[in-house]
Structure formats: structure tokens, C-alpha cells
Amino acid sequence: MLGAPMADGHSTGDAARAARADLKPIHVTEQAQPAPAEREAVFDVRDLSLHYGQALAISGITMPIYRNHVTAFIGPSGCGKSIRCLNRMNDLVPGAKVSGTVLFHGHDLYAPNVDPVQVRRHIGMVFQKPNPFPKSIYDNIAWGLRILGRKDDLDGRVEQALRRTALWDEVKDRLKSSGLALSGGQQQRLCIARALAVEPDVILMDEPASALDPISTTRIEDLIHELKRDYTIAIVTHNMQQAARVADMTAFFSLDVSEGKRTGVLVEYDETTAIFTRPADKRTEDYVTGRFG
């Protein structure tokens, strides 16, 4: 237990802080949070486990994800912190099998009568590597709208999505140019705009800035802060400073390697400030201070 008294009258927390005095501290951006009782859970994940074939990748995950919050998933590589279970992207992986319950606004996403395509319509996804379609900037945004039959005021909808990602002024004079001609940071914002165009409730981001330069990363992080006013956002990141800057809540995952297995487990889930300044689990403290991972 962190903070337990030691024989010399100091606490283990004191010792840990002294031991990591030479490590660069992570600054946590303080963000006003509603009281826990006032938070609305968009997702209610209960005892979620994920198998790939016979291999257990994630075991027994239980946590809520709150409306208009940014929730960061952190942890070492291979610990199963993928967020693709939240919009059934794992359905596309051969051998993947989910057990447990994922409730979205109280509805079981894995119920037999639920259409995965409709799930992904409400829960958008932005991937690690920007993946614009080999189409024009305009058609990248309009593609999903056309598929859904939402062709009324298509020009206005495209403009609105590009404005929301602060991309409109940069591309408004070349909307018919290929999306692949944009810079890496612009391509990622184009992919976010494409996700926003169909008006999802939730945006999942899988390391959205890991392939970007610092300036583009800052723009993505600023965009996340703006978008959470209207959307619920979950982000996977290996960047501790990024999690501290953008997230309201942080979930730390680790690997259970006992008995020769490698299974991802949820170690701790709390407000970001608590995770980075007063973690309740020694494994969390070791990870966020750079002792492992």
C-alpha cells in the first residue's frame, strides 16, 4: 500500500518520491471535473475478456467511460489496451472472441440483434497512422455521408467537419485535390473530420499522434480539448505527457505474465491527476515514473 509507515517514521510514499527525484516529473493539466455522482456513463464495461484464438489477450475488465470526458488508456505494449472492443472492430479479426458485457447507453453492443455497422456509425475510430481514402479532400469527408444517404447540404456538412478540425482555412481552395497530398498532421485531421462528418456520439483514437511531429501533435491535442465539449473521447497513448495533458480519466493496463501467460489486466482507473500524482497501486507508480514499460 502506497504511503504505509516505515520503521524510521517515513512512509513508503516518501521513499518512492525520493527514489524518483532524478526522474523528470510529468505535469498534469488540471481540468475541472464534475462530481462522480454527476457523471454520466456512456459505456459500462463489465468483466470484459478478449481471446485471439486460444490466447487470452484481455481479462476481466470492468470500468465506465463518461460522457464529454477524455479517457486515456495507457500501459506497456502488448497489455491489451486496444479500444476496438468498444466499437466491435475486433469482429473483423479472425479468431477474436469477446466475452462479458459492453453497454453503450444501456444497450448491449454484443447482443445478437445489434448491427456492427450501426455501432461504428455511432462510435467513430481514428487510427494510429493517418489513412485518408485515395480520393479528393472533399470526397474523403462526403463518402460516409453519401453511404448513409445524408446528401442534403453536402457542401455545408463537408465545410462544417473541416472547420471543426481547424482544417478548412488550409484546404478550402483545393477541396478537389487528393487527401494523400496533405501533410501527415493534416491527413490525421482530415481523418478526424471524416469521422465527425457522420455525427458520432463517441470518437475512439488509437495513438492518433504517434506518427506526427511535435507541432502537429499539439494541434491534435488542442483539437481533442475542443471536441470533448460535444463528444466522448477514448484515446490509447504510449506518451505519458500526452495522457497527462489531454485526459480527464486514465486507465492503466499491465501484463499478467504468471504461469507463462501474457494477459492484459486493468490495474487502476481514476482521474488523471490521481493516476500521475497519487496512484493507488505500486505497478501504476512504477509505470508513470518510468521504472518499467
C-alpha atoms as a PDB file:
ATOM      1  CA  MET A   1       0.000   0.000   0.000  1.00  0.00           C
ATOM      2  CA  LEU A   2       1.447   3.376  -1.016  1.00  0.00           C
ATOM      3  CA  GLY A   3       2.054   5.678   1.929  1.00  0.00           C
ATOM      4  CA  ALA A   4       2.318   2.913   4.565  1.00  0.00           C
ATOM      5  CA  PRO A   5       4.537   3.881   7.543  1.00  0.00           C
ATOM      6  CA  MET A   6       8.119   2.622   7.728  1.00  0.00           C
ATOM      7  CA  ALA A   7      10.273   1.913  10.772  1.00  0.00           C
ATOM      8  CA  ASP A   8      12.041   5.278  10.605  1.00  0.00           C
ATOM      9  CA  GLY A   9       8.758   7.174  10.682  1.00  0.00           C
ATOM     10  CA  HIS A  10       8.769   7.995   6.983  1.00  0.00           C
ATOM     11  CA  SER A  11       6.306   6.486   4.557  1.00  0.00           C
ATOM     12  CA  THR A  12       6.857   4.293   1.543  1.00  0.00           C
ATOM     13  CA  GLY A  13       5.376   7.158  -0.461  1.00  0.00           C
ATOM     14  CA  ASP A  14       8.164   9.424   0.843  1.00  0.00           C
ATOM     15  CA  ALA A  15      10.736   6.815  -0.106  1.00  0.00           C
ATOM     16  CA  ALA A  16       9.283   6.404  -3.555  1.00  0.00           C
ATOM     17  CA  ARG A  17       9.296  10.138  -4.150  1.00  0.00           C
ATOM     18  CA  ALA A  18      12.888  10.362  -3.022  1.00  0.00           C
ATOM     19  CA  ALA A  19      13.884   7.440  -5.200  1.00  0.00           C
ATOM     20  CA  ARG A  20      12.432   9.062  -8.302  1.00  0.00           C
ATOM     21  CA  ALA A  21      13.704  12.547  -7.569  1.00  0.00           C
ATOM     22  CA  ASP A  22      16.039  12.276 -10.558  1.00  0.00           C
ATOM     23  CA  LEU A  23      13.194  11.407 -12.913  1.00  0.00           C
ATOM     24  CA  LYS A  24      11.539  14.127 -14.938  1.00  0.00           C
ATOM     25  CA  PRO A  25       8.118  14.862 -13.422  1.00  0.00           C
ATOM     26  CA  ILE A  26       5.018  14.711 -15.580  1.00  0.00           C
ATOM     27  CA  HIS A  27       2.959  17.862 -15.492  1.00  0.00           C
ATOM     28  CA  VAL A  28      -0.732  17.123 -15.234  1.00  0.00           C
ATOM     29  CA  THR A  29      -3.115  19.637 -16.744  1.00  0.00           C
ATOM     30  CA  GLU A  30      -5.700  20.388 -14.093  1.00  0.00           C
ATOM     31  CA  GLN A  31      -9.200  20.178 -15.531  1.00  0.00           C
ATOM     32  CA  ALA A  32     -12.448  20.911 -13.766  1.00  0.00           C
ATOM     33  CA  GLN A  33     -14.342  17.677 -13.205  1.00  0.00           C
ATOM     34  CA  PRO A  34     -17.955  17.073 -12.278  1.00  0.00           C
ATOM     35  CA  ALA A  35     -18.513  15.183  -9.064  1.00  0.00           C
ATOM     36  CA  PRO A  36     -18.577  11.399  -9.584  1.00  0.00           C
ATOM     37  CA  ALA A  37     -22.287  11.250  -8.822  1.00  0.00           C
ATOM     38  CA  GLU A  38     -22.951  13.751 -11.638  1.00  0.00           C
ATOM     39  CA  ARG A  39     -21.023  11.870 -14.319  1.00  0.00           C
ATOM     40  CA  GLU A  40     -22.985  10.034 -16.981  1.00  0.00           C
ATOM     41  CA  ALA A  41     -21.537   6.737 -18.157  1.00  0.00           C
ATOM     42  CA  VAL A  42     -21.685   6.367 -21.936  1.00  0.00           C
ATOM     43  CA  PHE A  43     -20.011   2.945 -21.756  1.00  0.00           C
ATOM     44  CA  ASP A  44     -20.377   0.477 -18.914  1.00  0.00           C
ATOM     45  CA  VAL A  45     -17.835  -2.299 -19.436  1.00  0.00           C
ATOM     46  CA  ARG A  46     -18.381  -5.343 -17.242  1.00  0.00           C
ATOM     47  CA  ASP A  47     -15.994  -8.288 -16.901  1.00  0.00           C
ATOM     48  CA  LEU A  48     -14.783  -7.913 -20.484  1.00  0.00           C
ATOM     49  CA  SER A  49     -12.352 -10.532 -21.785  1.00  0.00           C
ATOM     50  CA  LEU A  50     -10.928 -10.955 -25.270  1.00  0.00           C
ATOM     51  CA  HIS A  51      -9.439 -14.069 -26.841  1.00  0.00           C
ATOM     52  CA  TYR A  52      -7.485 -14.318 -30.077  1.00  0.00           C
ATOM     53  CA  GLY A  53      -7.866 -17.988 -30.834  1.00  0.00           C
ATOM     54  CA  GLN A  54      -6.825 -19.797 -27.656  1.00  0.00           C
ATOM     55  CA  ALA A  55      -4.787 -16.858 -26.330  1.00  0.00           C
ATOM     56  CA  LEU A  56      -6.421 -14.687 -23.656  1.00  0.00           C
ATOM     57  CA  ALA A  57      -5.477 -11.100 -24.549  1.00  0.00           C
ATOM     58  CA  ILE A  58      -7.595  -9.144 -22.025  1.00  0.00           C
ATOM     59  CA  SER A  59      -9.133 -10.469 -18.838  1.00  0.00           C
ATOM     60  CA  GLY A  60     -11.944  -9.234 -16.609  1.00  0.00           C
ATOM     61  CA  ILE A  61     -12.039  -5.525 -17.497  1.00  0.00           C
ATOM     62  CA  THR A  62     -14.718  -3.542 -15.640  1.00  0.00           C
ATOM     63  CA  MET A  63     -14.936   0.248 -15.977  1.00  0.00           C
ATOM     64  CA  PRO A  64     -17.252   3.078 -17.033  1.00  0.00           C
ATOM     65  CA  ILE A  65     -16.390   5.695 -19.651  1.00  0.00           C
ATOM     66  CA  TYR A  66     -18.007   9.066 -19.056  1.00  0.00           C
ATOM     67  CA  ARG A  67     -19.784  11.499 -21.365  1.00  0.00           C
ATOM     68  CA  ASN A  68     -17.770  14.537 -22.529  1.00  0.00           C
ATOM     69  CA  HIS A  69     -14.630  13.173 -20.877  1.00  0.00           C
ATOM     70  CA  VAL A  70     -11.343  12.236 -22.494  1.00  0.00           C
ATOM     71  CA  THR A  71     -10.348   8.806 -21.194  1.00  0.00           C
ATOM     72  CA  ALA A  72      -6.748   7.699 -21.791  1.00  0.00           C
ATOM     73  CA  PHE A  73      -5.675   4.059 -21.941  1.00  0.00           C
ATOM     74  CA  ILE A  74      -2.012   3.681 -21.006  1.00  0.00           C
ATOM     75  CA  GLY A  75       0.286   0.746 -20.413  1.00  0.00           C
ATOM     76  CA  PRO A  76       3.167  -1.220 -21.941  1.00  0.00           C
ATOM     77  CA  SER A  77       2.959  -2.699 -25.423  1.00  0.00           C
ATOM     78  CA  GLY A  78       1.015  -5.935 -25.629  1.00  0.00           C
ATOM     79  CA  CYS A  79      -1.057  -5.361 -22.500  1.00  0.00           C
ATOM     80  CA  GLY A  80      -4.343  -5.451 -24.377  1.00  0.00           C
ATOM     81  CA  LYS A  81      -5.346  -1.808 -24.044  1.00  0.00           C
ATOM     82  CA  SER A  82      -6.911  -1.781 -27.502  1.00  0.00           C
ATOM     83  CA  ILE A  83     -10.176   0.150 -27.616  1.00  0.00           C
ATOM     84  CA  ARG A  84     -11.506  -1.738 -30.621  1.00  0.00           C
ATOM     85  CA  CYS A  85     -13.792  -3.816 -28.430  1.00  0.00           C
ATOM     86  CA  LEU A  86     -15.793  -0.616 -27.874  1.00  0.00           C
ATOM     87  CA  ASN A  87     -16.996  -0.398 -31.479  1.00  0.00           C
ATOM     88  CA  ARG A  88     -16.691  -4.050 -32.470  1.00  0.00           C
ATOM     89  CA  MET A  89     -13.703  -3.542 -34.763  1.00  0.00           C
ATOM     90  CA  ASN A  90     -12.381  -6.806 -33.348  1.00  0.00           C
ATOM     91  CA  ASP A  91     -15.217  -8.548 -35.188  1.00  0.00           C
ATOM     92  CA  LEU A  92     -13.044  -8.126 -38.284  1.00  0.00           C
ATOM     93  CA  VAL A  93     -10.110 -10.051 -36.757  1.00  0.00           C
ATOM     94  CA  PRO A  94     -10.203 -13.818 -37.419  1.00  0.00           C
ATOM     95  CA  GLY A  95     -10.360 -15.817 -34.206  1.00  0.00           C
ATOM     96  CA  ALA A  96     -11.262 -12.850 -31.989  1.00  0.00           C
ATOM     97  CA  LYS A  97     -13.900 -13.622 -29.374  1.00  0.00           C
ATOM     98  CA  VAL A  98     -15.301 -11.251 -26.750  1.00  0.00           C
ATOM     99  CA  SER A  99     -16.990 -12.292 -23.515  1.00  0.00           C
ATOM    100  CA  GLY A 100     -18.519 -10.124 -20.825  1.00  0.00           C
ATOM    101  CA  THR A 101     -20.692  -7.084 -21.447  1.00  0.00           C
ATOM    102  CA  VAL A 102     -20.166  -3.722 -23.162  1.00  0.00           C
ATOM    103  CA  LEU A 103     -23.158  -1.472 -22.562  1.00  0.00           C
ATOM    104  CA  PHE A 104     -23.485   1.678 -24.681  1.00  0.00           C
ATOM    105  CA  HIS A 105     -26.170   3.998 -23.328  1.00  0.00           C
ATOM    106  CA  GLY A 106     -27.514   0.910 -21.590  1.00  0.00           C
ATOM    107  CA  HIS A 107     -27.649  -1.264 -24.724  1.00  0.00           C
ATOM    108  CA  ASP A 108     -25.502  -4.375 -25.078  1.00  0.00           C
ATOM    109  CA  LEU A 109     -23.250  -3.807 -28.100  1.00  0.00           C
ATOM    110  CA  TYR A 110     -22.677  -7.542 -28.476  1.00  0.00           C
ATOM    111  CA  ALA A 111     -26.316  -8.586 -28.379  1.00  0.00           C
ATOM    112  CA  PRO A 112     -27.260 -10.864 -31.323  1.00  0.00           C
ATOM    113  CA  ASN A 113     -29.620  -8.319 -32.877  1.00  0.00           C
ATOM    114  CA  VAL A 114     -27.074  -5.453 -32.908  1.00  0.00           C
ATOM    115  CA  ASP A 115     -25.678  -4.426 -36.311  1.00  0.00           C
ATOM    116  CA  PRO A 116     -21.891  -3.791 -36.019  1.00  0.00           C
ATOM    117  CA  VAL A 117     -22.051  -1.307 -38.895  1.00  0.00           C
ATOM    118  CA  GLN A 118     -24.525   0.815 -36.956  1.00  0.00           C
ATOM    119  CA  VAL A 119     -22.308   0.530 -33.874  1.00  0.00           C
ATOM    120  CA  ARG A 120     -19.419   2.032 -35.843  1.00  0.00           C
ATOM    121  CA  ARG A 121     -21.694   4.760 -37.155  1.00  0.00           C
ATOM    122  CA  HIS A 122     -22.215   5.980 -33.581  1.00  0.00           C
ATOM    123  CA  ILE A 123     -18.708   5.165 -32.333  1.00  0.00           C
ATOM    124  CA  GLY A 124     -16.101   6.527 -34.751  1.00  0.00           C
ATOM    125  CA  MET A 125     -12.468   5.446 -34.968  1.00  0.00           C
ATOM    126  CA  VAL A 126      -9.233   7.299 -35.736  1.00  0.00           C
ATOM    127  CA  PHE A 127      -6.180   5.120 -36.254  1.00  0.00           C
ATOM    128  CA  GLN A 128      -2.509   5.486 -35.399  1.00  0.00           C
ATOM    129  CA  LYS A 129      -1.411   6.073 -38.985  1.00  0.00           C
ATOM    130  CA  PRO A 130      -3.416   8.600 -40.987  1.00  0.00           C
ATOM    131  CA  ASN A 131      -5.424   6.678 -43.569  1.00  0.00           C
ATOM    132  CA  PRO A 132      -7.141   9.068 -45.993  1.00  0.00           C
ATOM    133  CA  PHE A 133      -9.006   7.415 -48.833  1.00  0.00           C
ATOM    134  CA  PRO A 134      -7.342   7.786 -52.263  1.00  0.00           C
ATOM    135  CA  LYS A 135      -9.935  10.407 -53.079  1.00  0.00           C
ATOM    136  CA  SER A 136     -10.199  14.174 -53.005  1.00  0.00           C
ATOM    137  CA  ILE A 137     -10.301  16.045 -49.718  1.00  0.00           C
ATOM    138  CA  TYR A 138     -13.988  16.754 -50.358  1.00  0.00           C
ATOM    139  CA  ASP A 139     -14.833  13.133 -51.157  1.00  0.00           C
ATOM    140  CA  ASN A 140     -12.995  11.880 -48.070  1.00  0.00           C
ATOM    141  CA  ILE A 141     -15.465  13.802 -45.936  1.00  0.00           C
ATOM    142  CA  ALA A 142     -18.527  13.247 -48.126  1.00  0.00           C
ATOM    143  CA  TRP A 143     -18.017   9.473 -48.502  1.00  0.00           C
ATOM    144  CA  GLY A 144     -19.671   8.437 -45.227  1.00  0.00           C
ATOM    145  CA  LEU A 145     -22.468  10.947 -45.672  1.00  0.00           C
ATOM    146  CA  ARG A 146     -23.286   9.534 -49.096  1.00  0.00           C
ATOM    147  CA  ILE A 147     -23.231   5.963 -47.788  1.00  0.00           C
ATOM    148  CA  LEU A 148     -25.740   6.967 -45.104  1.00  0.00           C
ATOM    149  CA  GLY A 149     -27.920   8.783 -47.641  1.00  0.00           C
ATOM    150  CA  ARG A 150     -27.338  12.143 -45.985  1.00  0.00           C
ATOM    151  CA  LYS A 151     -26.823  14.117 -49.172  1.00  0.00           C
ATOM    152  CA  ASP A 152     -28.736  17.235 -48.189  1.00  0.00           C
ATOM    153  CA  ASP A 153     -26.434  20.260 -47.921  1.00  0.00           C
ATOM    154  CA  LEU A 154     -23.404  18.101 -48.604  1.00  0.00           C
ATOM    155  CA  ASP A 155     -21.191  21.131 -49.180  1.00  0.00           C
ATOM    156  CA  GLY A 156     -22.198  22.604 -45.829  1.00  0.00           C
ATOM    157  CA  ARG A 157     -21.620  19.342 -43.976  1.00  0.00           C
ATOM    158  CA  VAL A 158     -18.154  18.953 -45.512  1.00  0.00           C
ATOM    159  CA  GLU A 159     -17.248  22.524 -44.595  1.00  0.00           C
ATOM    160  CA  GLN A 160     -18.524  22.104 -41.043  1.00  0.00           C
ATOM    161  CA  ALA A 161     -16.450  18.945 -40.484  1.00  0.00           C
ATOM    162  CA  LEU A 162     -13.322  20.620 -41.835  1.00  0.00           C
ATOM    163  CA  ARG A 163     -13.921  23.695 -39.693  1.00  0.00           C
ATOM    164  CA  ARG A 164     -14.324  21.551 -36.585  1.00  0.00           C
ATOM    165  CA  THR A 165     -10.840  20.166 -37.144  1.00  0.00           C
ATOM    166  CA  ALA A 166      -9.328  23.598 -37.938  1.00  0.00           C
ATOM    167  CA  LEU A 167      -8.566  22.397 -41.468  1.00  0.00           C
ATOM    168  CA  TRP A 168     -10.997  24.452 -43.542  1.00  0.00           C
ATOM    169  CA  ASP A 169      -8.812  27.538 -43.993  1.00  0.00           C
ATOM    170  CA  GLU A 170      -5.884  25.335 -45.033  1.00  0.00           C
ATOM    171  CA  VAL A 171      -7.730  23.360 -47.721  1.00  0.00           C
ATOM    172  CA  LYS A 172     -10.793  25.355 -48.815  1.00  0.00           C
ATOM    173  CA  ASP A 173      -9.135  26.339 -52.103  1.00  0.00           C
ATOM    174  CA  ARG A 174      -8.109  22.768 -53.013  1.00  0.00           C
ATOM    175  CA  LEU A 175     -11.011  20.571 -51.973  1.00  0.00           C
ATOM    176  CA  LYS A 176     -10.733  18.582 -55.214  1.00  0.00           C
ATOM    177  CA  SER A 177      -7.055  17.781 -54.562  1.00  0.00           C
ATOM    178  CA  SER A 178      -6.120  14.348 -53.230  1.00  0.00           C
ATOM    179  CA  GLY A 179      -6.258  13.874 -49.476  1.00  0.00           C
ATOM    180  CA  LEU A 180      -2.991  11.945 -49.817  1.00  0.00           C
ATOM    181  CA  ALA A 181      -1.234  15.169 -50.861  1.00  0.00           C
ATOM    182  CA  LEU A 182      -1.701  16.704 -47.410  1.00  0.00           C
ATOM    183  CA  SER A 183       0.982  16.658 -44.720  1.00  0.00           C
ATOM    184  CA  GLY A 184       0.870  13.928 -42.079  1.00  0.00           C
ATOM    185  CA  GLY A 185      -0.739  16.187 -39.496  1.00  0.00           C
ATOM    186  CA  GLN A 186      -3.284  17.472 -41.991  1.00  0.00           C
ATOM    187  CA  GLN A 187      -4.096  13.926 -43.068  1.00  0.00           C
ATOM    188  CA  GLN A 188      -4.816  12.958 -39.463  1.00  0.00           C
ATOM    189  CA  ARG A 189      -7.091  15.956 -39.004  1.00  0.00           C
ATOM    190  CA  LEU A 190      -8.794  15.009 -42.284  1.00  0.00           C
ATOM    191  CA  CYS A 191      -9.429  11.527 -40.869  1.00  0.00           C
ATOM    192  CA  ILE A 192     -10.877  13.064 -37.711  1.00  0.00           C
ATOM    193  CA  ALA A 193     -13.073  15.332 -39.847  1.00  0.00           C
ATOM    194  CA  ARG A 194     -14.215  12.280 -41.811  1.00  0.00           C
ATOM    195  CA  ALA A 195     -15.231  10.605 -38.553  1.00  0.00           C
ATOM    196  CA  LEU A 196     -17.027  13.729 -37.324  1.00  0.00           C
ATOM    197  CA  ALA A 197     -18.970  14.249 -40.542  1.00  0.00           C
ATOM    198  CA  VAL A 198     -21.381  11.391 -39.767  1.00  0.00           C
ATOM    199  CA  GLU A 199     -22.047  12.871 -36.302  1.00  0.00           C
ATOM    200  CA  PRO A 200     -20.962  10.046 -33.986  1.00  0.00           C
ATOM    201  CA  ASP A 201     -21.508  10.063 -30.238  1.00  0.00           C
ATOM    202  CA  VAL A 202     -18.023   8.789 -29.408  1.00  0.00           C
ATOM    203  CA  ILE A 203     -14.591   9.075 -31.018  1.00  0.00           C
ATOM    204  CA  LEU A 204     -12.002   6.370 -30.378  1.00  0.00           C
ATOM    205  CA  MET A 205      -8.398   7.362 -31.067  1.00  0.00           C
ATOM    206  CA  ASP A 206      -5.651   4.741 -31.291  1.00  0.00           C
ATOM    207  CA  GLU A 207      -2.355   6.615 -30.748  1.00  0.00           C
ATOM    208  CA  PRO A 208      -3.507   9.404 -33.098  1.00  0.00           C
ATOM    209  CA  ALA A 209      -0.334  11.492 -32.806  1.00  0.00           C
ATOM    210  CA  SER A 210       2.401   8.867 -32.519  1.00  0.00           C
ATOM    211  CA  ALA A 211       3.460   9.312 -36.161  1.00  0.00           C
ATOM    212  CA  LEU A 212       3.324  13.107 -36.098  1.00  0.00           C
ATOM    213  CA  ASP A 213       5.833  15.887 -35.436  1.00  0.00           C
ATOM    214  CA  PRO A 214       5.530  17.976 -32.223  1.00  0.00           C
ATOM    215  CA  ILE A 215       3.681  20.851 -33.897  1.00  0.00           C
ATOM    216  CA  SER A 216       1.109  18.536 -35.481  1.00  0.00           C
ATOM    217  CA  THR A 217       0.800  16.667 -32.179  1.00  0.00           C
ATOM    218  CA  THR A 218      -0.014  19.917 -30.379  1.00  0.00           C
ATOM    219  CA  ARG A 219      -2.731  20.680 -32.919  1.00  0.00           C
ATOM    220  CA  ILE A 220      -4.275  17.239 -32.427  1.00  0.00           C
ATOM    221  CA  GLU A 221      -4.208  17.661 -28.638  1.00  0.00           C
ATOM    222  CA  ASP A 222      -5.777  21.123 -28.879  1.00  0.00           C
ATOM    223  CA  LEU A 223      -8.433  19.626 -31.126  1.00  0.00           C
ATOM    224  CA  ILE A 224      -9.165  16.883 -28.578  1.00  0.00           C
ATOM    225  CA  HIS A 225      -9.729  19.519 -25.884  1.00  0.00           C
ATOM    226  CA  GLU A 226     -12.206  21.327 -28.150  1.00  0.00           C
ATOM    227  CA  LEU A 227     -14.036  18.203 -29.306  1.00  0.00           C
ATOM    228  CA  LYS A 228     -14.756  16.859 -25.834  1.00  0.00           C
ATOM    229  CA  ARG A 229     -17.323  19.624 -25.365  1.00  0.00           C
ATOM    230  CA  ASP A 230     -19.535  17.745 -27.830  1.00  0.00           C
ATOM    231  CA  TYR A 231     -18.115  14.214 -27.906  1.00  0.00           C
ATOM    232  CA  THR A 232     -16.928  11.467 -25.620  1.00  0.00           C
ATOM    233  CA  ILE A 233     -13.336  10.535 -26.475  1.00  0.00           C
ATOM    234  CA  ALA A 234     -11.233   7.497 -25.625  1.00  0.00           C
ATOM    235  CA  ILE A 235      -7.561   7.560 -26.583  1.00  0.00           C
ATOM    236  CA  VAL A 236      -4.804   4.964 -26.477  1.00  0.00           C
ATOM    237  CA  THR A 237      -1.381   6.531 -25.999  1.00  0.00           C
ATOM    238  CA  HIS A 238       2.138   5.478 -25.047  1.00  0.00           C
ATOM    239  CA  ASN A 239       3.004   9.123 -24.372  1.00  0.00           C
ATOM    240  CA  MET A 240       2.654   9.765 -20.645  1.00  0.00           C
ATOM    241  CA  GLN A 241       2.914  13.532 -21.068  1.00  0.00           C
ATOM    242  CA  GLN A 242       0.158  13.419 -23.667  1.00  0.00           C
ATOM    243  CA  ALA A 243      -2.150  11.460 -21.376  1.00  0.00           C
ATOM    244  CA  ALA A 244      -1.470  13.955 -18.600  1.00  0.00           C
ATOM    245  CA  ARG A 245      -2.217  16.881 -20.918  1.00  0.00           C
ATOM    246  CA  VAL A 246      -5.419  15.726 -22.579  1.00  0.00           C
ATOM    247  CA  ALA A 247      -7.160  13.141 -20.392  1.00  0.00           C
ATOM    248  CA  ASP A 248      -9.740  13.639 -17.678  1.00  0.00           C
ATOM    249  CA  MET A 249      -9.654   9.955 -16.693  1.00  0.00           C
ATOM    250  CA  THR A 250      -6.822   7.472 -17.162  1.00  0.00           C
ATOM    251  CA  ALA A 251      -6.868   3.673 -17.158  1.00  0.00           C
ATOM    252  CA  PHE A 252      -3.554   1.904 -16.586  1.00  0.00           C
ATOM    253  CA  PHE A 253      -3.237  -1.596 -18.036  1.00  0.00           C
ATOM    254  CA  SER A 254      -0.434  -4.042 -17.403  1.00  0.00           C
ATOM    255  CA  LEU A 255       0.531  -7.617 -18.255  1.00  0.00           C
ATOM    256  CA  ASP A 256      -0.101 -10.640 -16.103  1.00  0.00           C
ATOM    257  CA  VAL A 257       2.816 -12.926 -17.002  1.00  0.00           C
ATOM    258  CA  SER A 258       2.219 -15.533 -14.320  1.00  0.00           C
ATOM    259  CA  GLU A 259       2.113 -19.173 -15.325  1.00  0.00           C
ATOM    260  CA  GLY A 260       3.716 -18.403 -18.664  1.00  0.00           C
ATOM    261  CA  LYS A 261       0.810 -16.331 -19.986  1.00  0.00           C
ATOM    262  CA  ARG A 262       0.689 -12.724 -21.221  1.00  0.00           C
ATOM    263  CA  THR A 263      -2.729 -11.337 -20.402  1.00  0.00           C
ATOM    264  CA  GLY A 264      -3.728  -7.685 -20.245  1.00  0.00           C
ATOM    265  CA  VAL A 265      -5.345  -6.585 -16.991  1.00  0.00           C
ATOM    266  CA  LEU A 266      -6.732  -3.286 -15.762  1.00  0.00           C
ATOM    267  CA  VAL A 267      -4.591  -2.263 -12.788  1.00  0.00           C
ATOM    268  CA  GLU A 268      -6.050   1.117 -11.925  1.00  0.00           C
ATOM    269  CA  TYR A 269      -8.625   3.582 -13.253  1.00  0.00           C
ATOM    270  CA  ASP A 270      -9.044   7.054 -11.795  1.00  0.00           C
ATOM    271  CA  GLU A 271      -8.920  10.749 -12.531  1.00  0.00           C
ATOM    272  CA  THR A 272      -5.747  11.573 -14.413  1.00  0.00           C
ATOM    273  CA  THR A 273      -4.406  13.754 -11.618  1.00  0.00           C
ATOM    274  CA  ALA A 274      -4.679  10.844  -9.198  1.00  0.00           C
ATOM    275  CA  ILE A 275      -3.026   8.371 -11.570  1.00  0.00           C
ATOM    276  CA  PHE A 276       0.002  10.594 -12.082  1.00  0.00           C
ATOM    277  CA  THR A 277       0.416  12.129  -8.626  1.00  0.00           C
ATOM    278  CA  ARG A 278      -1.051   9.683  -6.116  1.00  0.00           C
ATOM    279  CA  PRO A 279      -1.513   6.255  -7.713  1.00  0.00           C
ATOM    280  CA  ALA A 280      -3.064   3.603  -5.505  1.00  0.00           C
ATOM    281  CA  ASP A 281      -1.088   0.701  -6.968  1.00  0.00           C
ATOM    282  CA  LYS A 282       2.699   0.299  -6.971  1.00  0.00           C
ATOM    283  CA  ARG A 283       2.606  -1.004 -10.532  1.00  0.00           C
ATOM    284  CA  THR A 284       0.980   2.230 -11.677  1.00  0.00           C
ATOM    285  CA  GLU A 285       3.564   4.323  -9.859  1.00  0.00           C
ATOM    286  CA  ASP A 286       6.421   2.342 -11.397  1.00  0.00           C
ATOM    287  CA  TYR A 287       4.993   2.822 -14.884  1.00  0.00           C
ATOM    288  CA  VAL A 288       4.199   6.531 -14.779  1.00  0.00           C
ATOM    289  CA  THR A 289       7.597   7.324 -13.217  1.00  0.00           C
ATOM    290  CA  GLY A 290       9.470   5.361 -15.863  1.00  0.00           C
ATOM    291  CA  ARG A 291      10.590   2.426 -13.759  1.00  0.00           C
ATOM    292  CA  PHE A 292       9.228  -0.055 -16.284  1.00  0.00           C
ATOM    293  CA  GLY A 293       7.337  -0.174 -19.533  1.00  0.00           C
END
